[in-house]
């Protein structure tokens, strides 16, 4: 797995992950925020990872979200 995005909040990462899903790209979100235990964002950030074969396509989606 390769990191394709780093985000300040889990919510931002989830929006990016949704854009990848719409493009048919599977991703894994890693967050340091305890969001499963608490309904608010803690300052831990979050990162998105994709498989090696999807890195270029994922970066294209994340760099051009309107397309």
N, C-alpha and C. Protein backbone atom coordinates (compact mmCIF):
# COMPACT_ATOMS: atom_id res chain seq x y z
N UNK A 1 0.85 -1.18 0.00
CA UNK A 1 0.00 0.00 0.00
C UNK A 1 0.89 1.25 0.00
N UNK A 2 0.44 2.25 -0.73
CA UNK A 2 1.18 3.50 -0.85
C UNK A 2 0.30 4.66 -0.40
N UNK A 3 0.87 5.56 0.38
CA UNK A 3 0.12 6.73 0.84
C UNK A 3 -0.08 7.69 -0.32
N UNK A 4 -1.33 8.12 -0.52
CA UNK A 4 -1.64 9.07 -1.58
C UNK A 4 -2.22 10.37 -1.04
N UNK A 5 -2.46 10.44 0.26
CA UNK A 5 -2.98 11.68 0.82
C UNK A 5 -2.85 11.71 2.32
N UNK A 6 -2.60 12.91 2.83
CA UNK A 6 -2.51 13.14 4.27
C UNK A 6 -3.44 14.31 4.59
N UNK A 7 -4.29 14.14 5.60
CA UNK A 7 -5.33 15.12 5.89
C UNK A 7 -5.33 15.50 7.36
N UNK A 8 -5.73 16.71 7.61
CA UNK A 8 -5.76 17.24 8.99
C UNK A 8 -6.81 16.54 9.84
N UNK A 9 -7.96 16.21 9.24
CA UNK A 9 -9.04 15.56 9.98
C UNK A 9 -9.49 14.29 9.27
N UNK A 10 -10.12 13.43 10.03
CA UNK A 10 -10.69 12.20 9.47
C UNK A 10 -11.79 12.54 8.46
N UNK A 11 -12.58 13.57 8.75
CA UNK A 11 -13.66 13.96 7.85
C UNK A 11 -13.11 14.34 6.47
N UNK A 12 -12.01 15.09 6.44
CA UNK A 12 -11.40 15.45 5.15
C UNK A 12 -10.92 14.21 4.42
N UNK A 13 -10.33 13.28 5.15
CA UNK A 13 -9.85 12.04 4.54
C UNK A 13 -11.02 11.21 4.01
N UNK A 14 -12.12 11.20 4.72
CA UNK A 14 -13.29 10.44 4.27
C UNK A 14 -13.88 11.03 2.99
N UNK A 15 -13.85 12.35 2.85
CA UNK A 15 -14.31 12.96 1.60
C UNK A 15 -13.42 12.54 0.44
N UNK A 16 -12.11 12.55 0.66
CA UNK A 16 -11.18 12.12 -0.38
C UNK A 16 -11.37 10.64 -0.69
N UNK A 17 -11.60 9.85 0.33
CA UNK A 17 -11.82 8.42 0.13
C UNK A 17 -13.10 8.18 -0.69
N UNK A 18 -14.11 8.98 -0.45
CA UNK A 18 -15.35 8.87 -1.23
C UNK A 18 -15.10 9.19 -2.70
N UNK A 19 -14.28 10.21 -2.97
CA UNK A 19 -13.95 10.55 -4.36
C UNK A 19 -13.22 9.39 -5.03
N UNK A 20 -12.34 8.74 -4.30
CA UNK A 20 -11.63 7.58 -4.85
C UNK A 20 -12.62 6.44 -5.13
N UNK A 21 -13.54 6.22 -4.22
CA UNK A 21 -14.53 5.15 -4.39
C UNK A 21 -15.38 5.38 -5.63
N UNK A 22 -15.78 6.63 -5.86
CA UNK A 22 -16.57 6.96 -7.04
C UNK A 22 -15.79 6.64 -8.32
N UNK A 23 -14.48 6.82 -8.25
CA UNK A 23 -13.62 6.53 -9.40
C UNK A 23 -13.26 5.04 -9.49
N UNK A 24 -13.79 4.24 -8.57
CA UNK A 24 -13.54 2.81 -8.59
C UNK A 24 -12.20 2.39 -7.99
N UNK A 25 -11.64 3.26 -7.16
CA UNK A 25 -10.33 2.99 -6.55
C UNK A 25 -10.54 2.64 -5.08
N UNK A 26 -10.10 1.46 -4.70
CA UNK A 26 -10.20 1.03 -3.30
C UNK A 26 -9.08 1.67 -2.50
N UNK A 27 -9.42 2.11 -1.29
CA UNK A 27 -8.43 2.75 -0.44
C UNK A 27 -8.62 2.34 1.00
N UNK A 28 -7.58 2.59 1.79
CA UNK A 28 -7.61 2.30 3.22
C UNK A 28 -7.31 3.61 3.94
N UNK A 29 -8.12 3.92 4.93
CA UNK A 29 -7.94 5.13 5.71
C UNK A 29 -7.31 4.76 7.04
N UNK A 30 -6.26 5.46 7.38
CA UNK A 30 -5.61 5.28 8.68
C UNK A 30 -5.71 6.60 9.42
N UNK A 31 -6.38 6.59 10.57
CA UNK A 31 -6.58 7.83 11.32
C UNK A 31 -6.09 7.67 12.76
N UNK A 32 -5.56 8.74 13.28
CA UNK A 32 -5.08 8.78 14.65
C UNK A 32 -5.98 9.72 15.44
N UNK A 33 -7.27 9.34 15.54
CA UNK A 33 -8.22 10.29 16.11
C UNK A 33 -9.26 9.71 17.07
N UNK A 34 -9.30 8.43 17.28
CA UNK A 34 -10.27 7.80 18.18
C UNK A 34 -11.71 8.10 17.79
N UNK A 35 -11.97 8.28 16.49
CA UNK A 35 -13.32 8.66 16.07
C UNK A 35 -14.35 7.57 16.32
N UNK A 36 -13.92 6.33 16.47
CA UNK A 36 -14.88 5.27 16.80
C UNK A 36 -15.40 5.42 18.22
N UNK A 37 -14.64 6.09 19.06
CA UNK A 37 -15.04 6.25 20.46
C UNK A 37 -15.68 7.60 20.73
N UNK A 38 -15.33 8.61 19.94
CA UNK A 38 -15.82 9.96 20.19
C UNK A 38 -16.41 10.55 18.91
N UNK A 39 -17.50 11.29 18.98
CA UNK A 39 -18.15 11.83 17.77
C UNK A 39 -17.55 13.15 17.28
N UNK A 40 -16.33 13.45 17.62
CA UNK A 40 -15.71 14.69 17.16
C UNK A 40 -14.27 14.40 16.75
N UNK A 41 -13.70 15.30 15.97
CA UNK A 41 -12.33 15.12 15.50
C UNK A 41 -11.33 15.53 16.56
N UNK A 42 -10.35 14.70 16.77
CA UNK A 42 -9.22 15.05 17.61
C UNK A 42 -8.07 15.39 16.67
N UNK A 43 -7.12 16.16 17.12
CA UNK A 43 -6.04 16.61 16.25
C UNK A 43 -5.01 15.52 16.01
N UNK A 44 -5.38 14.50 15.25
CA UNK A 44 -4.45 13.42 14.98
C UNK A 44 -4.15 13.27 13.51
N UNK A 45 -5.04 13.72 12.67
CA UNK A 45 -4.84 13.60 11.24
C UNK A 45 -5.24 12.23 10.72
N UNK A 46 -5.20 12.10 9.40
CA UNK A 46 -5.57 10.85 8.76
C UNK A 46 -4.83 10.74 7.44
N UNK A 47 -4.60 9.49 7.02
CA UNK A 47 -3.90 9.25 5.76
C UNK A 47 -4.65 8.23 4.94
N UNK A 48 -4.55 8.38 3.61
CA UNK A 48 -5.17 7.44 2.68
C UNK A 48 -4.10 6.64 1.96
N UNK A 49 -4.36 5.36 1.81
CA UNK A 49 -3.45 4.46 1.12
C UNK A 49 -4.20 3.71 0.03
N UNK A 50 -3.51 3.44 -1.07
CA UNK A 50 -4.07 2.63 -2.16
C UNK A 50 -3.02 1.60 -2.58
N UNK A 51 -3.47 0.61 -3.34
CA UNK A 51 -2.55 -0.38 -3.88
C UNK A 51 -1.63 0.25 -4.92
N UNK A 52 -0.48 -0.38 -5.11
CA UNK A 52 0.53 0.14 -6.04
C UNK A 52 -0.03 0.41 -7.44
N UNK A 53 -0.91 -0.46 -7.93
CA UNK A 53 -1.42 -0.30 -9.29
C UNK A 53 -2.35 0.90 -9.43
N UNK A 54 -2.87 1.42 -8.32
CA UNK A 54 -3.82 2.53 -8.36
C UNK A 54 -3.23 3.89 -7.97
N UNK A 55 -1.93 3.94 -7.71
CA UNK A 55 -1.32 5.17 -7.20
C UNK A 55 -1.51 6.34 -8.16
N UNK A 56 -1.17 6.17 -9.42
CA UNK A 56 -1.27 7.29 -10.38
C UNK A 56 -2.72 7.75 -10.54
N UNK A 57 -3.63 6.80 -10.69
CA UNK A 57 -5.05 7.16 -10.86
C UNK A 57 -5.58 7.85 -9.61
N UNK A 58 -5.19 7.38 -8.44
CA UNK A 58 -5.66 7.99 -7.18
C UNK A 58 -5.15 9.41 -7.05
N UNK A 59 -3.88 9.62 -7.37
CA UNK A 59 -3.34 10.98 -7.29
C UNK A 59 -4.02 11.91 -8.28
N UNK A 60 -4.36 11.39 -9.45
CA UNK A 60 -5.06 12.20 -10.44
C UNK A 60 -6.43 12.62 -9.91
N UNK A 61 -7.14 11.69 -9.28
CA UNK A 61 -8.48 11.99 -8.71
C UNK A 61 -8.33 13.02 -7.59
N UNK A 62 -7.38 12.80 -6.71
CA UNK A 62 -7.24 13.68 -5.55
C UNK A 62 -6.71 15.07 -5.91
N UNK A 63 -5.95 15.17 -6.99
CA UNK A 63 -5.44 16.46 -7.42
C UNK A 63 -6.40 17.23 -8.30
N UNK A 64 -7.43 16.54 -8.82
CA UNK A 64 -8.44 17.17 -9.67
C UNK A 64 -9.83 16.70 -9.25
N UNK A 65 -10.28 17.06 -8.05
CA UNK A 65 -11.53 16.52 -7.52
C UNK A 65 -12.77 16.87 -8.33
N UNK A 66 -12.73 17.89 -9.14
CA UNK A 66 -13.92 18.29 -9.90
C UNK A 66 -14.10 17.46 -11.17
N UNK A 67 -13.12 16.65 -11.52
CA UNK A 67 -13.21 15.85 -12.76
C UNK A 67 -13.62 14.45 -12.47
